[in-house]
PDB file of N, CA and C in Angstrom:
ATOM      1  N   MET A   1      82.174 178.349 135.550  1.00  0.00           N
ATOM      2  CA  MET A   1      81.776 177.438 136.601  1.00  0.00           C
ATOM      3  C   MET A   1      80.734 178.121 137.476  1.00  0.00           C
ATOM      4  N   THR A   2      79.616 177.455 137.668  1.00  0.00           N
ATOM      5  CA  THR A   2      78.569 177.947 138.550  1.00  0.00           C
ATOM      6  C   THR A   2      78.778 177.353 139.933  1.00  0.00           C
ATOM      7  N   LEU A   3      78.746 178.185 140.934  1.00  0.00           N
ATOM      8  CA  LEU A   3      78.905 177.729 142.308  1.00  0.00           C
ATOM      9  C   LEU A   3      77.543 177.532 142.946  1.00  0.00           C
ATOM     10  N   ILE A   4      77.508 176.800 144.033  1.00  0.00           N
ATOM     11  CA  ILE A   4      76.253 176.445 144.679  1.00  0.00           C
ATOM     12  C   ILE A   4      75.433 177.664 145.090  1.00  0.00           C
ATOM     13  N   ASN A   5      76.063 178.749 145.463  1.00  0.00           N
ATOM     14  CA  ASN A   5      75.308 179.934 145.877  1.00  0.00           C
ATOM     15  C   ASN A   5      74.828 180.763 144.682  1.00  0.00           C
ATOM     16  N   GLU A   6      75.137 180.332 143.457  1.00  0.00           N
ATOM     17  CA  GLU A   6      74.712 181.044 142.250  1.00  0.00           C
ATOM     18  C   GLU A   6      73.631 180.294 141.474  1.00  0.00           C
ATOM     19  N   ILE A   7      73.064 179.237 142.049  1.00  0.00           N
ATOM     20  CA  ILE A   7      72.063 178.411 141.360  1.00  0.00           C
ATOM     21  C   ILE A   7      70.804 179.226 141.113  1.00  0.00           C
ATOM     22  N   LYS A   8      70.335 179.189 139.876  1.00  0.00           N
ATOM     23  CA  LYS A   8      69.138 179.933 139.497  1.00  0.00           C
ATOM     24  C   LYS A   8      67.979 179.023 139.084  1.00  0.00           C
ATOM     25  N   SER A   9      68.210 177.726 139.006  1.00  0.00           N
ATOM     26  CA  SER A   9      67.221 176.792 138.481  1.00  0.00           C
ATOM     27  C   SER A   9      66.777 175.810 139.551  1.00  0.00           C
ATOM     28  N   VAL A  10      65.552 175.334 139.423  1.00  0.00           N
ATOM     29  CA  VAL A  10      65.046 174.295 140.317  1.00  0.00           C
ATOM     30  C   VAL A  10      65.745 172.975 139.996  1.00  0.00           C
ATOM     31  N   ASP A  11      66.013 172.731 138.699  1.00  0.00           N
ATOM     32  CA  ASP A  11      66.666 171.502 138.262  1.00  0.00           C
ATOM     33  C   ASP A  11      68.162 171.743 138.129  1.00  0.00           C
ATOM     34  N   TRP A  12      68.934 171.122 139.010  1.00  0.00           N
ATOM     35  CA  TRP A  12      70.391 171.230 138.970  1.00  0.00           C
ATOM     36  C   TRP A  12      70.973 169.998 139.624  1.00  0.00           C
ATOM     37  N   GLN A  13      72.251 169.776 139.395  1.00  0.00           N
ATOM     38  CA  GLN A  13      72.953 168.666 140.024  1.00  0.00           C
ATOM     39  C   GLN A  13      74.454 168.949 139.995  1.00  0.00           C
ATOM     40  N   PRO A  14      75.220 168.259 140.834  1.00  0.00           N
ATOM     41  CA  PRO A  14      76.670 168.432 140.772  1.00  0.00           C
ATOM     42  C   PRO A  14      77.197 168.030 139.394  1.00  0.00           C
ATOM     43  N   LYS A  15      78.162 168.774 138.892  1.00  0.00           N
ATOM     44  CA  LYS A  15      78.754 168.464 137.596  1.00  0.00           C
ATOM     45  C   LYS A  15      79.722 167.308 137.766  1.00  0.00           C
ATOM     46  N   LEU A  16      79.592 166.323 136.898  1.00  0.00           N
ATOM     47  CA  LEU A  16      80.465 165.164 136.970  1.00  0.00           C
ATOM     48  C   LEU A  16      81.916 165.561 136.700  1.00  0.00           C
ATOM     49  N   ASN A  17      82.806 165.021 137.479  1.00  0.00           N
ATOM     50  CA  ASN A  17      84.253 165.181 137.306  1.00  0.00           C
ATOM     51  C   ASN A  17      84.760 166.602 137.525  1.00  0.00           C
ATOM     52  N   GLU A  18      83.978 167.462 138.144  1.00  0.00           N
ATOM     53  CA  GLU A  18      84.437 168.813 138.479  1.00  0.00           C
ATOM     54  C   GLU A  18      83.947 169.159 139.882  1.00  0.00           C
ATOM     55  N   ILE A  19      84.777 168.942 140.852  1.00  0.00           N
ATOM     56  CA  ILE A  19      84.417 169.168 142.246  1.00  0.00           C
ATOM     57  C   ILE A  19      84.035 170.632 142.461  1.00  0.00           C
ATOM     58  N   GLY A  20      82.895 170.843 143.103  1.00  0.00           N
ATOM     59  CA  GLY A  20      82.430 172.190 143.422  1.00  0.00           C
ATOM     60  C   GLY A  20      81.597 172.841 142.346  1.00  0.00           C
ATOM     61  N   SER A  21      81.521 172.242 141.154  1.00  0.00           N
ATOM     62  CA  SER A  21      80.740 172.814 140.054  1.00  0.00           C
ATOM     63  C   SER A  21      79.369 172.153 139.991  1.00  0.00           C
ATOM     64  N   ILE A  22      78.429 172.880 139.412  1.00  0.00           N
ATOM     65  CA  ILE A  22      77.088 172.327 139.208  1.00  0.00           C
ATOM     66  C   ILE A  22      76.681 172.562 137.758  1.00  0.00           C
ATOM     67  N   VAL A  23      75.651 171.823 137.324  1.00  0.00           N
ATOM     68  CA  VAL A  23      75.035 172.060 136.023  1.00  0.00           C
ATOM     69  C   VAL A  23      73.562 172.339 136.251  1.00  0.00           C
ATOM     70  N   GLU A  24      73.009 173.186 135.411  1.00  0.00           N
ATOM     71  CA  GLU A  24      71.575 173.481 135.463  1.00  0.00           C
ATOM     72  C   GLU A  24      71.101 173.761 134.055  1.00  0.00           C
ATOM     73  N   GLY A  25      69.770 173.793 133.871  1.00  0.00           N
ATOM     74  CA  GLY A  25      69.206 174.071 132.559  1.00  0.00           C
ATOM     75  C   GLY A  25      69.557 172.987 131.549  1.00  0.00           C
ATOM     76  N   ILE A  26      69.946 173.406 130.351  1.00  0.00           N
ATOM     77  CA  ILE A  26      70.258 172.462 129.266  1.00  0.00           C
ATOM     78  C   ILE A  26      71.440 171.572 129.642  1.00  0.00           C
ATOM     79  N   GLU A  27      72.431 172.116 130.332  1.00  0.00           N
ATOM     80  CA  GLU A  27      73.580 171.304 130.757  1.00  0.00           C
ATOM     81  C   GLU A  27      73.152 170.194 131.716  1.00  0.00           C
ATOM     82  N   ASP A  28      72.166 170.477 132.570  1.00  0.00           N
ATOM     83  CA  ASP A  28      71.642 169.474 133.491  1.00  0.00           C
ATOM     84  C   ASP A  28      70.975 168.345 132.708  1.00  0.00           C
ATOM     85  N   ILE A  29      70.155 168.694 131.729  1.00  0.00           N
ATOM     86  CA  ILE A  29      69.477 167.680 130.922  1.00  0.00           C
ATOM     87  C   ILE A  29      70.499 166.851 130.151  1.00  0.00           C
ATOM     88  N   ASP A  30      71.485 167.520 129.557  1.00  0.00           N
ATOM     89  CA  ASP A  30      72.532 166.820 128.821  1.00  0.00           C
ATOM     90  C   ASP A  30      73.241 165.807 129.717  1.00  0.00           C
ATOM     91  N   GLN A  31      73.599 166.228 130.914  1.00  0.00           N
ATOM     92  CA  GLN A  31      74.273 165.326 131.840  1.00  0.00           C
ATOM     93  C   GLN A  31      73.358 164.184 132.265  1.00  0.00           C
ATOM     94  N   CYS A  32      72.075 164.464 132.470  1.00  0.00           N
ATOM     95  CA  CYS A  32      71.122 163.414 132.842  1.00  0.00           C
ATOM     96  C   CYS A  32      71.024 162.351 131.749  1.00  0.00           C
ATOM     97  N   ILE A  33      70.967 162.783 130.493  1.00  0.00           N
ATOM     98  CA  ILE A  33      70.903 161.834 129.374  1.00  0.00           C
ATOM     99  C   ILE A  33      72.141 160.940 129.381  1.00  0.00           C
ATOM    100  N   ARG A  34      73.308 161.538 129.576  1.00  0.00           N
ATOM    101  CA  ARG A  34      74.555 160.761 129.614  1.00  0.00           C
ATOM    102  C   ARG A  34      74.532 159.744 130.760  1.00  0.00           C
ATOM    103  N   ILE A  35      74.079 160.170 131.916  1.00  0.00           N
ATOM    104  CA  ILE A  35      74.017 159.271 133.069  1.00  0.00           C
ATOM    105  C   ILE A  35      73.052 158.123 132.806  1.00  0.00           C
ATOM    106  N   ILE A  36      71.892 158.427 132.263  1.00  0.00           N
ATOM    107  CA  ILE A  36      70.898 157.390 131.958  1.00  0.00           C
ATOM    108  C   ILE A  36      71.487 156.349 131.022  1.00  0.00           C
ATOM    109  N   LEU A  37      72.102 156.806 129.938  1.00  0.00           N
ATOM    110  CA  LEU A  37      72.583 155.870 128.925  1.00  0.00           C
ATOM    111  C   LEU A  37      73.851 155.123 129.342  1.00  0.00           C
ATOM    112  N   MET A  38      74.656 155.713 130.198  1.00  0.00           N
ATOM    113  CA  MET A  38      75.903 155.064 130.595  1.00  0.00           C
ATOM    114  C   MET A  38      75.746 154.195 131.845  1.00  0.00           C
ATOM    115  N   THR A  39      74.539 154.160 132.425  1.00  0.00           N
ATOM    116  CA  THR A  39      74.278 153.333 133.598  1.00  0.00           C
ATOM    117  C   THR A  39      73.589 152.052 133.174  1.00  0.00           C
ATOM    118  N   PRO A  40      74.249 150.904 133.315  1.00  0.00           N
ATOM    119  CA  PRO A  40      73.579 149.636 132.982  1.00  0.00           C
ATOM    120  C   PRO A  40      72.424 149.372 133.957  1.00  0.00           C
ATOM    121  N   LYS A  41      71.294 148.934 133.415  1.00  0.00           N
ATOM    122  CA  LYS A  41      70.174 148.575 134.285  1.00  0.00           C
ATOM    123  C   LYS A  41      70.638 147.551 135.306  1.00  0.00           C
ATOM    124  N   GLY A  42      70.176 147.722 136.544  1.00  0.00           N
ATOM    125  CA  GLY A  42      70.514 146.801 137.616  1.00  0.00           C
ATOM    126  C   GLY A  42      71.738 147.211 138.410  1.00  0.00           C
ATOM    127  N   SER A  43      72.463 148.238 137.960  1.00  0.00           N
ATOM    128  CA  SER A  43      73.684 148.621 138.671  1.00  0.00           C
ATOM    129  C   SER A  43      73.420 149.595 139.824  1.00  0.00           C
ATOM    130  N   ASP A  44      72.249 150.193 139.885  1.00  0.00           N
ATOM    131  CA  ASP A  44      71.884 151.076 140.992  1.00  0.00           C
ATOM    132  C   ASP A  44      70.958 150.279 141.918  1.00  0.00           C
ATOM    133  N   PRO A  45      71.445 149.848 143.080  1.00  0.00           N
ATOM    134  CA  PRO A  45      70.631 148.982 143.931  1.00  0.00           C
ATOM    135  C   PRO A  45      69.353 149.631 144.436  1.00  0.00           C
ATOM    136  N   HIS A  46      69.306 150.955 144.508  1.00  0.00           N
ATOM    137  CA  HIS A  46      68.103 151.631 144.994  1.00  0.00           C
ATOM    138  C   HIS A  46      67.079 151.851 143.881  1.00  0.00           C
ATOM    139  N   ARG A  47      67.547 151.825 142.635  1.00  0.00           N
ATOM    140  CA  ARG A  47      66.661 151.951 141.471  1.00  0.00           C
ATOM    141  C   ARG A  47      67.104 150.919 140.432  1.00  0.00           C
ATOM    142  N   PRO A  48      66.746 149.652 140.616  1.00  0.00           N
ATOM    143  CA  PRO A  48      67.259 148.604 139.724  1.00  0.00           C
ATOM    144  C   PRO A  48      66.821 148.754 138.263  1.00  0.00           C
ATOM    145  N   ASP A  49      65.759 149.479 138.002  1.00  0.00           N
ATOM    146  CA  ASP A  49      65.307 149.678 136.622  1.00  0.00           C
ATOM    147  C   ASP A  49      65.928 150.912 135.981  1.00  0.00           C
ATOM    148  N   PHE A  50      66.693 151.699 136.742  1.00  0.00           N
ATOM    149  CA  PHE A  50      67.295 152.907 136.207  1.00  0.00           C
ATOM    150  C   PHE A  50      68.424 152.557 135.240  1.00  0.00           C
ATOM    151  N   GLY A  51      68.542 153.335 134.188  1.00  0.00           N
ATOM    152  CA  GLY A  51      69.620 153.152 133.225  1.00  0.00           C
ATOM    153  C   GLY A  51      69.094 152.601 131.919  1.00  0.00           C
ATOM    154  N   SER A  52      69.988 151.968 131.175  1.00  0.00           N
ATOM    155  CA  SER A  52      69.614 151.425 129.871  1.00  0.00           C
ATOM    156  C   SER A  52      70.292 150.080 129.641  1.00  0.00           C
ATOM    157  N   ASP A  53      69.794 149.367 128.661  1.00  0.00           N
ATOM    158  CA  ASP A  53      70.367 148.082 128.268  1.00  0.00           C
ATOM    159  C   ASP A  53      71.174 148.187 126.978  1.00  0.00           C
ATOM    160  N   ILE A  54      71.681 149.378 126.654  1.00  0.00           N
ATOM    161  CA  ILE A  54      72.419 149.525 125.394  1.00  0.00           C
ATOM    162  C   ILE A  54      73.675 148.672 125.365  1.00  0.00           C
ATOM    163  N   PHE A  55      74.253 148.385 126.519  1.00  0.00           N
ATOM    164  CA  PHE A  55      75.487 147.602 126.559  1.00  0.00           C
ATOM    165  C   PHE A  55      75.279 146.144 126.161  1.00  0.00           C
ATOM    166  N   LEU A  56      74.039 145.658 126.254  1.00  0.00           N
ATOM    167  CA  LEU A  56      73.767 144.268 125.896  1.00  0.00           C
ATOM    168  C   LEU A  56      74.040 143.983 124.422  1.00  0.00           C
ATOM    169  N   TYR A  57      74.013 145.014 123.595  1.00  0.00           N
ATOM    170  CA  TYR A  57      74.075 144.824 122.146  1.00  0.00           C
ATOM    171  C   TYR A  57      75.441 145.149 121.543  1.00  0.00           C
ATOM    172  N   LEU A  58      76.422 145.486 122.347  1.00  0.00           N
ATOM    173  CA  LEU A  58      77.709 145.906 121.797  1.00  0.00           C
ATOM    174  C   LEU A  58      78.454 144.796 121.059  1.00  0.00           C
ATOM    175  N   ASP A  59      78.215 143.547 121.404  1.00  0.00           N
ATOM    176  CA  ASP A  59      78.899 142.444 120.733  1.00  0.00           C
ATOM    177  C   ASP A  59      78.082 141.842 119.597  1.00  0.00           C
ATOM    178  N   TYR A  60      76.924 142.397 119.323  1.00  0.00           N
ATOM    179  CA  TYR A  60      76.107 141.911 118.214  1.00  0.00           C
ATOM    180  C   TYR A  60      76.724 142.357 116.888  1.00  0.00           C
ATOM    181  N   PRO A  61      76.394 141.662 115.800  1.00  0.00           N
ATOM    182  CA  PRO A  61      76.790 142.185 114.481  1.00  0.00           C
ATOM    183  C   PRO A  61      76.225 143.598 114.322  1.00  0.00           C
ATOM    184  N   ILE A  62      76.981 144.462 113.695  1.00  0.00           N
ATOM    185  CA  ILE A  62      76.654 145.888 113.650  1.00  0.00           C
ATOM    186  C   ILE A  62      75.255 146.163 113.100  1.00  0.00           C
ATOM    187  N   ASN A  63      74.821 145.387 112.090  1.00  0.00           N
ATOM    188  CA  ASN A  63      73.493 145.621 111.516  1.00  0.00           C
ATOM    189  C   ASN A  63      72.369 145.246 112.486  1.00  0.00           C
ATOM    190  N   GLU A  64      72.660 144.445 113.500  1.00  0.00           N
ATOM    191  CA  GLU A  64      71.687 144.133 114.549  1.00  0.00           C
ATOM    192  C   GLU A  64      71.873 145.040 115.758  1.00  0.00           C
ATOM    193  N   ALA A  65      73.114 145.409 116.029  1.00  0.00           N
ATOM    194  CA  ALA A  65      73.415 146.206 117.230  1.00  0.00           C
ATOM    195  C   ALA A  65      72.809 147.602 117.150  1.00  0.00           C
ATOM    196  N   ILE A  66      73.021 148.307 116.044  1.00  0.00           N
ATOM    197  CA  ILE A  66      72.615 149.709 115.946  1.00  0.00           C
ATOM    198  C   ILE A  66      71.122 149.909 116.177  1.00  0.00           C
ATOM    199  N   PRO A  67      70.223 149.174 115.493  1.00  0.00           N
ATOM    200  CA  PRO A  67      68.794 149.417 115.767  1.00  0.00           C
ATOM    201  C   PRO A  67      68.407 149.112 117.216  1.00  0.00           C
ATOM    202  N   ASN A  68      69.012 148.081 117.807  1.00  0.00           N
ATOM    203  CA  ASN A  68      68.695 147.744 119.193  1.00  0.00           C
ATOM    204  C   ASN A  68      69.237 148.783 120.166  1.00  0.00           C
ATOM    205  N   ILE A  69      70.436 149.281 119.924  1.00  0.00           N
ATOM    206  CA  ILE A  69      71.016 150.324 120.776  1.00  0.00           C
ATOM    207  C   ILE A  69      70.177 151.594 120.702  1.00  0.00           C
ATOM    208  N   ILE A  70      69.764 151.971 119.501  1.00  0.00           N
ATOM    209  CA  ILE A  70      68.931 153.174 119.342  1.00  0.00           C
ATOM    210  C   ILE A  70      67.587 152.995 120.040  1.00  0.00           C
ATOM    211  N   ARG A  71      66.967 151.833 119.886  1.00  0.00           N
ATOM    212  CA  ARG A  71      65.678 151.569 120.552  1.00  0.00           C
ATOM    213  C   ARG A  71      65.833 151.635 122.065  1.00  0.00           C
ATOM    214  N   GLU A  72      66.886 151.008 122.594  1.00  0.00           N
ATOM    215  CA  GLU A  72      67.128 151.036 124.039  1.00  0.00           C
ATOM    216  C   GLU A  72      67.379 152.457 124.529  1.00  0.00           C
ATOM    217  N   ALA A  73      68.118 153.244 123.756  1.00  0.00           N
ATOM    218  CA  ALA A  73      68.396 154.633 124.140  1.00  0.00           C
ATOM    219  C   ALA A  73      67.103 155.441 124.191  1.00  0.00           C
ATOM    220  N   ILE A  74      66.268 155.299 123.180  1.00  0.00           N
ATOM    221  CA  ILE A  74      64.992 156.021 123.149  1.00  0.00           C
ATOM    222  C   ILE A  74      64.123 155.613 124.335  1.00  0.00           C
ATOM    223  N   ASP A  75      64.000 154.315 124.565  1.00  0.00           N
ATOM    224  CA  ASP A  75      63.160 153.836 125.674  1.00  0.00           C
ATOM    225  C   ASP A  75      63.654 154.360 127.019  1.00  0.00           C
ATOM    226  N   ALA A  76      64.965 154.300 127.251  1.00  0.00           N
ATOM    227  CA  ALA A  76      65.517 154.727 128.545  1.00  0.00           C
ATOM    228  C   ALA A  76      65.367 156.229 128.749  1.00  0.00           C
ATOM    229  N   VAL A  77      65.688 157.013 127.727  1.00  0.00           N
ATOM    230  CA  VAL A  77      65.582 158.466 127.869  1.00  0.00           C
ATOM    231  C   VAL A  77      64.126 158.885 128.035  1.00  0.00           C
ATOM    232  N   ASN A  78      63.221 158.276 127.277  1.00  0.00           N
ATOM    233  CA  ASN A  78      61.798 158.612 127.418  1.00  0.00           C
ATOM    234  C   ASN A  78      61.274 158.283 128.810  1.00  0.00           C
ATOM    235  N   LEU A  79      61.765 157.212 129.396  1.00  0.00           N
ATOM    236  CA  LEU A  79      61.312 156.809 130.728  1.00  0.00           C
ATOM    237  C   LEU A  79      61.890 157.701 131.825  1.00  0.00           C
ATOM    238  N   TRP A  80      63.193 158.011 131.752  1.00  0.00           N
ATOM    239  CA  TRP A  80      63.875 158.650 132.861  1.00  0.00           C
ATOM    240  C   TRP A  80      64.099 160.151 132.711  1.00  0.00           C
ATOM    241  N   GLU A  81      63.981 160.689 131.522  1.00  0.00           N
ATOM    242  CA  GLU A  81      64.165 162.142 131.338  1.00  0.00           C
ATOM    243  C   GLU A  81      62.918 162.703 130.665  1.00  0.00           C
ATOM    244  N   GLN A  82      61.907 162.965 131.476  1.00  0.00           N
ATOM    245  CA  GLN A  82      60.601 163.341 130.953  1.00  0.00           C
ATOM    246  C   GLN A  82      60.471 164.829 130.640  1.00  0.00           C
ATOM    247  N   ARG A  83      61.540 165.592 130.819  1.00  0.00           N
ATOM    248  CA  ARG A  83      61.501 167.016 130.475  1.00  0.00           C
ATOM    249  C   ARG A  83      61.696 167.249 128.977  1.00  0.00           C
ATOM    250  N   ILE A  84      62.094 166.206 128.235  1.00  0.00           N
ATOM    251  CA  ILE A  84      62.444 166.407 126.824  1.00  0.00           C
ATOM    252  C   ILE A  84      61.692 165.476 125.893  1.00  0.00           C
ATOM    253  N   GLU A  85      61.785 165.806 124.608  1.00  0.00           N
ATOM    254  CA  GLU A  85      61.320 164.931 123.526  1.00  0.00           C
ATOM    255  C   GLU A  85      62.499 164.713 122.586  1.00  0.00           C
ATOM    256  N   ILE A  86      62.777 163.456 122.281  1.00  0.00           N
ATOM    257  CA  ILE A  86      63.838 163.150 121.324  1.00  0.00           C
ATOM    258  C   ILE A  86      63.310 163.431 119.930  1.00  0.00           C
ATOM    259  N   THR A  87      64.069 164.174 119.147  1.00  0.00           N
ATOM    260  CA  THR A  87      63.657 164.473 117.770  1.00  0.00           C
ATOM    261  C   THR A  87      64.412 163.634 116.750  1.00  0.00           C
ATOM    262  N   ASN A  88      65.617 163.145 117.116  1.00  0.00           N
ATOM    263  CA  ASN A  88      66.396 162.358 116.168  1.00  0.00           C
ATOM    264  C   ASN A  88      67.551 161.688 116.905  1.00  0.00           C
ATOM    265  N   ILE A  89      67.905 160.495 116.462  1.00  0.00           N
ATOM    266  CA  ILE A  89      69.117 159.835 116.943  1.00  0.00           C
ATOM    267  C   ILE A  89      69.861 159.307 115.722  1.00  0.00           C
ATOM    268  N   GLN A  90      71.131 159.623 115.654  1.00  0.00           N
ATOM    269  CA  GLN A  90      72.011 159.120 114.607  1.00  0.00           C
ATOM    270  C   GLN A  90      73.136 158.336 115.266  1.00  0.00           C
ATOM    271  N   SER A  91      73.648 157.350 114.575  1.00  0.00           N
ATOM    272  CA  SER A  91      74.794 156.606 115.084  1.00  0.00           C
ATOM    273  C   SER A  91      75.974 156.769 114.131  1.00  0.00           C
ATOM    274  N   ARG A  92      77.153 156.759 114.715  1.00  0.00           N
ATOM    275  CA  ARG A  92      78.387 156.845 113.938  1.00  0.00           C
ATOM    276  C   ARG A  92      79.327 155.770 114.477  1.00  0.00           C
ATOM    277  N   ILE A  93      79.989 155.067 113.585  1.00  0.00           N
ATOM    278  CA  ILE A  93      80.884 153.994 113.983  1.00  0.00           C
ATOM    279  C   ILE A  93      82.302 154.359 113.553  1.00  0.00           C
ATOM    280  N   ASP A  94      83.210 154.389 114.521  1.00  0.00           N
ATOM    281  CA  ASP A  94      84.627 154.663 114.270  1.00  0.00           C
ATOM    282  C   ASP A  94      85.439 153.569 114.946  1.00  0.00           C
ATOM    283  N   ASP A  95      86.030 152.713 114.147  1.00  0.00           N
ATOM    284  CA  ASP A  95      86.831 151.598 114.664  1.00  0.00           C
ATOM    285  C   ASP A  95      86.040 150.818 115.708  1.00  0.00           C
ATOM    286  N   SER A  96      86.444 150.911 116.968  1.00  0.00           N
ATOM    287  CA  SER A  96      85.771 150.140 118.019  1.00  0.00           C
ATOM    288  C   SER A  96      84.889 151.032 118.902  1.00  0.00           C
ATOM    289  N   GLN A  97      84.335 152.080 118.322  1.00  0.00           N
ATOM    290  CA  GLN A  97      83.500 152.993 119.089  1.00  0.00           C
ATOM    291  C   GLN A  97      82.214 153.313 118.320  1.00  0.00           C
ATOM    292  N   ILE A  98      81.107 153.248 119.032  1.00  0.00           N
ATOM    293  CA  ILE A  98      79.809 153.667 118.495  1.00  0.00           C
ATOM    294  C   ILE A  98      79.432 154.953 119.204  1.00  0.00           C
ATOM    295  N   THR A  99      79.124 155.993 118.439  1.00  0.00           N
ATOM    296  CA  THR A  99      78.717 157.267 119.024  1.00  0.00           C
ATOM    297  C   THR A  99      77.273 157.539 118.646  1.00  0.00           C
ATOM    298  N   LEU A 100      76.448 157.780 119.651  1.00  0.00           N
ATOM    299  CA  LEU A 100      75.061 158.173 119.432  1.00  0.00           C
ATOM    300  C   LEU A 100      74.968 159.682 119.534  1.00  0.00           C
ATOM    301  N   SER A 101      74.356 160.289 118.548  1.00  0.00           N
ATOM    302  CA  SER A 101      74.098 161.726 118.557  1.00  0.00           C
ATOM    303  C   SER A 101      72.592 161.900 118.726  1.00  0.00           C
ATOM    304  N   ILE A 102      72.184 162.395 119.880  1.00  0.00           N
ATOM    305  CA  ILE A 102      70.769 162.483 120.243  1.00  0.00           C
ATOM    306  C   ILE A 102      70.339 163.938 120.188  1.00  0.00           C
ATOM    307  N   GLU A 103      69.424 164.239 119.279  1.00  0.00           N
ATOM    308  CA  GLU A 103      68.856 165.586 119.194  1.00  0.00           C
ATOM    309  C   GLU A 103      67.565 165.586 119.993  1.00  0.00           C
ATOM    310  N   TRP A 104      67.361 166.645 120.775  1.00  0.00           N
ATOM    311  CA  TRP A 104      66.184 166.713 121.637  1.00  0.00           C
ATOM    312  C   TRP A 104      65.755 168.154 121.850  1.00  0.00           C
ATOM    313  N   ASN A 105      64.480 168.295 122.218  1.00  0.00           N
ATOM    314  CA  ASN A 105      63.901 169.591 122.589  1.00  0.00           C
ATOM    315  C   ASN A 105      63.268 169.465 123.961  1.00  0.00           C
ATOM    316  N   ILE A 106      63.329 170.551 124.723  1.00  0.00           N
ATOM    317  CA  ILE A 106      62.572 170.601 125.965  1.00  0.00           C
ATOM    318  C   ILE A 106      61.102 170.595 125.579  1.00  0.00           C
ATOM    319  N   LYS A 107      60.305 169.779 126.253  1.00  0.00           N
ATOM    320  CA  LYS A 107      58.893 169.642 125.901  1.00  0.00           C
ATOM    321  C   LYS A 107      58.193 170.995 125.841  1.00  0.00           C
ATOM    322  N   ASP A 108      57.347 171.137 124.844  1.00  0.00           N
ATOM    323  CA  ASP A 108      56.524 172.321 124.636  1.00  0.00           C
ATOM    324  C   ASP A 108      57.328 173.590 124.380  1.00  0.00           C
ATOM    325  N   THR A 109      58.562 173.436 123.891  1.00  0.00           N
ATOM    326  CA  THR A 109      59.379 174.593 123.522  1.00  0.00           C
ATOM    327  C   THR A 109      60.146 174.261 122.245  1.00  0.00           C
ATOM    328  N   ASN A 110      60.816 175.250 121.712  1.00  0.00           N
ATOM    329  CA  ASN A 110      61.738 175.027 120.602  1.00  0.00           C
ATOM    330  C   ASN A 110      63.186 175.034 121.088  1.00  0.00           C
ATOM    331  N   ILE A 111      63.357 174.976 122.402  1.00  0.00           N
ATOM    332  CA  ILE A 111      64.696 174.970 122.990  1.00  0.00           C
ATOM    333  C   ILE A 111      65.196 173.540 123.006  1.00  0.00           C
ATOM    334  N   GLY A 112      66.343 173.335 122.408  1.00  0.00           N
ATOM    335  CA  GLY A 112      66.874 171.983 122.348  1.00  0.00           C
ATOM    336  C   GLY A 112      68.373 171.960 122.297  1.00  0.00           C
ATOM    337  N   SER A 113      68.881 170.762 122.164  1.00  0.00           N
ATOM    338  CA  SER A 113      70.321 170.575 122.128  1.00  0.00           C
ATOM    339  C   SER A 113      70.625 169.226 121.502  1.00  0.00           C
ATOM    340  N   ASN A 114      71.891 168.918 121.473  1.00  0.00           N
ATOM    341  CA  ASN A 114      72.373 167.649 120.939  1.00  0.00           C
ATOM    342  C   ASN A 114      73.319 167.046 121.971  1.00  0.00           C
ATOM    343  N   THR A 115      73.092 165.796 122.317  1.00  0.00           N
ATOM    344  CA  THR A 115      73.935 165.100 123.280  1.00  0.00           C
ATOM    345  C   THR A 115      74.615 163.941 122.568  1.00  0.00           C
ATOM    346  N   GLU A 116      75.922 163.837 122.720  1.00  0.00           N
ATOM    347  CA  GLU A 116      76.649 162.711 122.139  1.00  0.00           C
ATOM    348  C   GLU A 116      77.125 161.791 123.242  1.00  0.00           C
ATOM    349  N   VAL A 117      76.919 160.477 123.017  1.00  0.00           N
ATOM    350  CA  VAL A 117      77.336 159.459 123.955  1.00  0.00           C
ATOM    351  C   VAL A 117      78.141 158.426 123.177  1.00  0.00           C
ATOM    352  N   SER A 118      79.345 158.134 123.651  1.00  0.00           N
ATOM    353  CA  SER A 118      80.216 157.168 122.970  1.00  0.00           C
ATOM    354  C   SER A 118      80.287 155.877 123.752  1.00  0.00           C
ATOM    355  N   LEU A 119      80.197 154.773 123.007  1.00  0.00           N
ATOM    356  CA  LEU A 119      80.257 153.439 123.596  1.00  0.00           C
ATOM    357  C   LEU A 119      81.454 152.727 122.994  1.00  0.00           C
ATOM    358  N   ASN A 120      82.286 152.139 123.827  1.00  0.00           N
ATOM    359  CA  ASN A 120      83.440 151.400 123.329  1.00  0.00           C
ATOM    360  C   ASN A 120      83.083 149.935 123.179  1.00  0.00           C
ATOM    361  N   VAL A 121      83.387 149.401 122.013  1.00  0.00           N
ATOM    362  CA  VAL A 121      83.138 147.996 121.723  1.00  0.00           C
ATOM    363  C   VAL A 121      84.427 147.235 122.024  1.00  0.00           C
ATOM    364  N   ALA A 122      84.308 146.175 122.780  1.00  0.00           N
ATOM    365  CA  ALA A 122      85.497 145.375 123.087  1.00  0.00           C
ATOM    366  C   ALA A 122      86.056 144.781 121.806  1.00  0.00           C
ATOM    367  N   SER A 123      87.372 144.860 121.663  1.00  0.00           N
ATOM    368  CA  SER A 123      87.976 144.307 120.454  1.00  0.00           C
ATOM    369  C   SER A 123      88.646 142.993 120.719  1.00  0.00           C
TER     370      SER A 123
END
């Protein structure tokens, strides 16, 4: 756990669900991607365009939902997380859950990571 007086990066934020902890570097980017994709557009009154529309497609037939969810994820991450480049997105379907596996690199580097985001489909 990194404490506030141990921050070494310009880019950092409080860690979700862990009071007193922060994330920076790759963990910060990973958390930002999760926040972007899990925030429905229009739900932040101060930034109504922030987030993604991936939730609009959860009730579509799977062959229509997956390409639209991937397109929405790419568009939202490209707009709101400009420190990275997406290199690949894969989807996995398990019962009533769609998991996106997003591979990315920090721009102009070979430093990257993989972020997984799970979406629950109403049954």
